[in-house]
C-alpha atoms as a PDB file:
ATOM      1  CA  UNK A   1      -2.648  13.366   5.052  1.00  0.00           C
ATOM      2  CA  UNK A   2      -3.271   9.823   6.172  1.00  0.00           C
ATOM      3  CA  UNK A   3      -1.022   7.078   5.646  1.00  0.00           C
ATOM      4  CA  UNK A   4      -1.796   3.551   3.783  1.00  0.00           C
ATOM      5  CA  UNK A   5      -0.252   0.064   3.104  1.00  0.00           C
ATOM      6  CA  UNK A   6      -1.541  -1.607   0.055  1.00  0.00           C
ATOM      7  CA  UNK A   7      -0.529  -5.049  -0.811  1.00  0.00           C
ATOM      8  CA  UNK A   8       0.435  -6.506  -4.577  1.00  0.00           C
ATOM      9  CA  UNK A   9       1.263  -9.950  -5.407  1.00  0.00           C
ATOM     10  CA  UNK A  10       4.333  -9.352  -7.662  1.00  0.00           C
ATOM     11  CA  UNK A  11       3.180 -11.267 -10.186  1.00  0.00           C
ATOM     12  CA  UNK A  12       0.145  -9.341 -10.632  1.00  0.00           C
ATOM     13  CA  UNK A  13       1.502  -5.857  -9.836  1.00  0.00           C
ATOM     14  CA  UNK A  14       4.710  -5.354  -9.359  1.00  0.00           C
ATOM     15  CA  UNK A  15       6.536  -2.226  -7.799  1.00  0.00           C
ATOM     16  CA  UNK A  16       8.470  -2.265 -11.160  1.00  0.00           C
ATOM     17  CA  UNK A  17       5.368  -2.155 -13.173  1.00  0.00           C
ATOM     18  CA  UNK A  18       4.086   0.748 -10.971  1.00  0.00           C
ATOM     19  CA  UNK A  19       7.448   2.478 -11.799  1.00  0.00           C
ATOM     20  CA  UNK A  20       7.111   2.094 -15.144  1.00  0.00           C
ATOM     21  CA  UNK A  21       3.185   3.827 -15.085  1.00  0.00           C
ATOM     22  CA  UNK A  22       5.062   7.275 -14.405  1.00  0.00           C
ATOM     23  CA  UNK A  23       3.126  10.444 -13.258  1.00  0.00           C
ATOM     24  CA  UNK A  24      -0.584   9.340 -14.825  1.00  0.00           C
ATOM     25  CA  UNK A  25      -0.313   6.500 -12.162  1.00  0.00           C
ATOM     26  CA  UNK A  26      -2.034   3.086 -12.287  1.00  0.00           C
ATOM     27  CA  UNK A  27      -5.926   2.281 -10.880  1.00  0.00           C
ATOM     28  CA  UNK A  28      -5.582  -0.142  -7.713  1.00  0.00           C
ATOM     29  CA  UNK A  29      -8.415  -2.029  -8.933  1.00  0.00           C
ATOM     30  CA  UNK A  30      -9.248  -5.921  -7.800  1.00  0.00           C
ATOM     31  CA  UNK A  31     -10.076  -5.317  -4.241  1.00  0.00           C
ATOM     32  CA  UNK A  32     -12.531  -7.329  -2.904  1.00  0.00           C
ATOM     33  CA  UNK A  33     -12.772  -7.151   0.584  1.00  0.00           C
ATOM     34  CA  UNK A  34     -15.337  -4.600   2.067  1.00  0.00           C
ATOM     35  CA  UNK A  35     -12.958  -3.868   5.283  1.00  0.00           C
ATOM     36  CA  UNK A  36      -9.945  -2.955   2.340  1.00  0.00           C
ATOM     37  CA  UNK A  37     -12.531  -1.010   0.314  1.00  0.00           C
ATOM     38  CA  UNK A  38     -13.841   1.395   2.867  1.00  0.00           C
ATOM     39  CA  UNK A  39     -10.411   1.953   3.738  1.00  0.00           C
ATOM     40  CA  UNK A  40      -9.891   3.234   0.058  1.00  0.00           C
ATOM     41  CA  UNK A  41     -12.964   5.194   0.311  1.00  0.00           C
ATOM     42  CA  UNK A  42     -11.348   7.046   3.199  1.00  0.00           C
ATOM     43  CA  UNK A  43      -8.220   7.972   1.173  1.00  0.00           C
ATOM     44  CA  UNK A  44      -7.571  11.673   0.216  1.00  0.00           C
ATOM     45  CA  UNK A  45      -5.489  12.681  -2.780  1.00  0.00           C
ATOM     46  CA  UNK A  46      -1.917  13.271  -1.422  1.00  0.00           C
ATOM     47  CA  UNK A  47      -2.314  10.736   1.072  1.00  0.00           C
ATOM     48  CA  UNK A  48       0.868   8.153   0.841  1.00  0.00           C
ATOM     49  CA  UNK A  49       1.015   4.057   0.864  1.00  0.00           C
ATOM     50  CA  UNK A  50       3.371   1.610   1.301  1.00  0.00           C
ATOM     51  CA  UNK A  51       3.487  -0.547  -1.487  1.00  0.00           C
ATOM     52  CA  UNK A  52       4.196  -4.237  -0.171  1.00  0.00           C
ATOM     53  CA  UNK A  53       4.835  -6.981  -2.217  1.00  0.00           C
ATOM     54  CA  UNK A  54       3.021 -10.007  -0.984  1.00  0.00           C
ATOM     55  CA  UNK A  55       2.904 -13.789  -1.486  1.00  0.00           C
ATOM     56  CA  UNK A  56       6.669 -14.756  -1.248  1.00  0.00           C
ATOM     57  CA  UNK A  57       8.723 -11.682  -0.833  1.00  0.00           C
ATOM     58  CA  UNK A  58       6.775 -10.099   2.156  1.00  0.00           C
ATOM     59  CA  UNK A  59       8.288  -6.954   2.033  1.00  0.00           C
ATOM     60  CA  UNK A  60       7.808  -3.114   1.440  1.00  0.00           C
ATOM     61  CA  UNK A  61       9.693  -1.993  -1.454  1.00  0.00           C
ATOM     62  CA  UNK A  62       8.188   1.322  -2.011  1.00  0.00           C
ATOM     63  CA  UNK A  63       5.937   4.325  -1.474  1.00  0.00           C
ATOM     64  CA  UNK A  64       3.255   5.305  -3.713  1.00  0.00           C
ATOM     65  CA  UNK A  65       1.186   8.981  -3.848  1.00  0.00           C
ATOM     66  CA  UNK A  66      -2.907   8.786  -4.197  1.00  0.00           C
ATOM     67  CA  UNK A  67      -3.345  10.820  -7.191  1.00  0.00           C
ATOM     68  CA  UNK A  68      -7.340  10.222  -7.621  1.00  0.00           C
ATOM     69  CA  UNK A  69      -9.868   9.457  -5.042  1.00  0.00           C
ATOM     70  CA  UNK A  70     -12.244   6.314  -4.575  1.00  0.00           C
ATOM     71  CA  UNK A  71     -13.823   5.473  -7.789  1.00  0.00           C
ATOM     72  CA  UNK A  72     -15.728   2.891  -9.794  1.00  0.00           C
ATOM     73  CA  UNK A  73     -13.449  -0.033 -10.102  1.00  0.00           C
ATOM     74  CA  UNK A  74     -14.049  -1.196 -13.979  1.00  0.00           C
ATOM     75  CA  UNK A  75     -12.928  -4.575 -13.434  1.00  0.00           C
ATOM     76  CA  UNK A  76     -15.763  -4.974 -10.915  1.00  0.00           C
ATOM     77  CA  UNK A  77     -18.907  -6.482 -12.978  1.00  0.00           C
ATOM     78  CA  UNK A  78     -21.266  -6.081  -9.844  1.00  0.00           C
ATOM     79  CA  UNK A  79     -20.324  -2.588  -9.550  1.00  0.00           C
ATOM     80  CA  UNK A  80     -20.191  -2.950  -5.516  1.00  0.00           C
ATOM     81  CA  UNK A  81     -16.195  -2.335  -5.355  1.00  0.00           C
ATOM     82  CA  UNK A  82     -14.165   0.710  -6.679  1.00  0.00           C
ATOM     83  CA  UNK A  83     -10.733   1.750  -6.633  1.00  0.00           C
ATOM     84  CA  UNK A  84      -7.974   4.777  -6.189  1.00  0.00           C
ATOM     85  CA  UNK A  85      -5.517   5.864  -8.768  1.00  0.00           C
ATOM     86  CA  UNK A  86      -1.564   5.668  -7.660  1.00  0.00           C
ATOM     87  CA  UNK A  87       1.512   6.630  -8.595  1.00  0.00           C
ATOM     88  CA  UNK A  88       5.111   5.470  -7.270  1.00  0.00           C
ATOM     89  CA  UNK A  89       7.181   8.452  -5.547  1.00  0.00           C
ATOM     90  CA  UNK A  90      10.046   6.623  -4.451  1.00  0.00           C
ATOM     91  CA  UNK A  91      11.753   3.236  -4.227  1.00  0.00           C
ATOM     92  CA  UNK A  92      13.160   1.948  -0.641  1.00  0.00           C
ATOM     93  CA  UNK A  93      16.543   1.962  -0.522  1.00  0.00           C
ATOM     94  CA  UNK A  94      16.291  -1.195   1.733  1.00  0.00           C
ATOM     95  CA  UNK A  95      13.631  -3.512   1.633  1.00  0.00           C
ATOM     96  CA  UNK A  96      11.507  -3.667   4.800  1.00  0.00           C
ATOM     97  CA  UNK A  97      10.288  -7.786   4.889  1.00  0.00           C
ATOM     98  CA  UNK A  98       7.336  -9.019   7.160  1.00  0.00           C
ATOM     99  CA  UNK A  99       9.692 -10.521   9.874  1.00  0.00           C
ATOM    100  CA  UNK A 100      11.561  -7.299  10.273  1.00  0.00           C
ATOM    101  CA  UNK A 101       8.324  -5.577  11.102  1.00  0.00           C
ATOM    102  CA  UNK A 102       7.104  -8.705  13.664  1.00  0.00           C
ATOM    103  CA  UNK A 103      10.854  -8.025  15.206  1.00  0.00           C
ATOM    104  CA  UNK A 104      10.555  -4.985  16.012  1.00  0.00           C
ATOM    105  CA  UNK A 105       8.824  -4.259  19.404  1.00  0.00           C
ATOM    106  CA  UNK A 106       7.074  -0.787  18.449  1.00  0.00           C
ATOM    107  CA  UNK A 107       5.362  -2.483  15.508  1.00  0.00           C
ATOM    108  CA  UNK A 108       3.402  -5.086  17.289  1.00  0.00           C
ATOM    109  CA  UNK A 109      -0.048  -3.353  17.056  1.00  0.00           C
ATOM    110  CA  UNK A 110       0.584  -2.268  13.727  1.00  0.00           C
ATOM    111  CA  UNK A 111      -2.467  -3.682  10.992  1.00  0.00           C
ATOM    112  CA  UNK A 112       0.058  -5.601   8.894  1.00  0.00           C
ATOM    113  CA  UNK A 113       0.278  -8.206  11.699  1.00  0.00           C
ATOM    114  CA  UNK A 114      -2.871  -8.383  13.305  1.00  0.00           C
ATOM    115  CA  UNK A 115      -4.713  -8.565  10.145  1.00  0.00           C
ATOM    116  CA  UNK A 116      -2.594  -9.720   8.080  1.00  0.00           C
ATOM    117  CA  UNK A 117      -5.022 -11.472   5.554  1.00  0.00           C
ATOM    118  CA  UNK A 118      -6.206  -7.774   4.205  1.00  0.00           C
ATOM    119  CA  UNK A 119      -4.722  -5.782   1.288  1.00  0.00           C
ATOM    120  CA  UNK A 120      -5.645  -1.976   1.964  1.00  0.00           C
ATOM    121  CA  UNK A 121      -4.860  -0.840   5.455  1.00  0.00           C
ATOM    122  CA  UNK A 122      -3.870   2.649   7.520  1.00  0.00           C
ATOM    123  CA  UNK A 123      -0.589   3.039   8.622  1.00  0.00           C
ATOM    124  CA  UNK A 124      -0.278   5.813  11.814  1.00  0.00           C
ATOM    125  CA  UNK A 125       2.291   8.164  11.534  1.00  0.00           C
ATOM    126  CA  UNK A 126       4.561   6.728  14.397  1.00  0.00           C
ATOM    127  CA  UNK A 127       4.731   3.273  12.437  1.00  0.00           C
ATOM    128  CA  UNK A 128       5.075   5.154   8.928  1.00  0.00           C
ATOM    129  CA  UNK A 129       8.378   6.943  10.201  1.00  0.00           C
ATOM    130  CA  UNK A 130       9.411   3.691  12.009  1.00  0.00           C
ATOM    131  CA  UNK A 131       9.536   2.099   8.617  1.00  0.00           C
ATOM    132  CA  UNK A 132      10.795   4.557   6.593  1.00  0.00           C
ATOM    133  CA  UNK A 133      14.083   4.626   8.938  1.00  0.00           C
ATOM    134  CA  UNK A 134      14.012   0.881   8.711  1.00  0.00           C
ATOM    135  CA  UNK A 135      14.046   0.915   4.793  1.00  0.00           C
ATOM    136  CA  UNK A 136      16.676   3.981   4.927  1.00  0.00           C
ATOM    137  CA  UNK A 137      14.351   5.908   3.010  1.00  0.00           C
ATOM    138  CA  UNK A 138      13.155   9.329   3.453  1.00  0.00           C
ATOM    139  CA  UNK A 139      10.129  11.481   1.660  1.00  0.00           C
END
């Protein structure tokens, strides 16, 4: 299993919107960055991802599961980009902010800090476990 982080602007697609989709999940569409798209191509069914509210909140608020592999994104008229389908798995008991992450010495080399503009990024297992503890959340 691999771990990921997916960023979303809550005004466009929020954690609450994701929860409302239930087990059918929702396509993680609209990604137009090649590196982020390549990361989604690596995702497998059953992989887990942090759901990160970007813009004002800048915090991890929940966990989603990848339920469908990379496929064409119907919102991309160029046909160059794809999407995966994710479903909400669990809300964080305590949101983990970007400032919390930046202040943790064990997370200084996490992609969220090093490549802050990337919307889809891998998370190594060590960082995954640290952030779960910070969020007082278990799977």
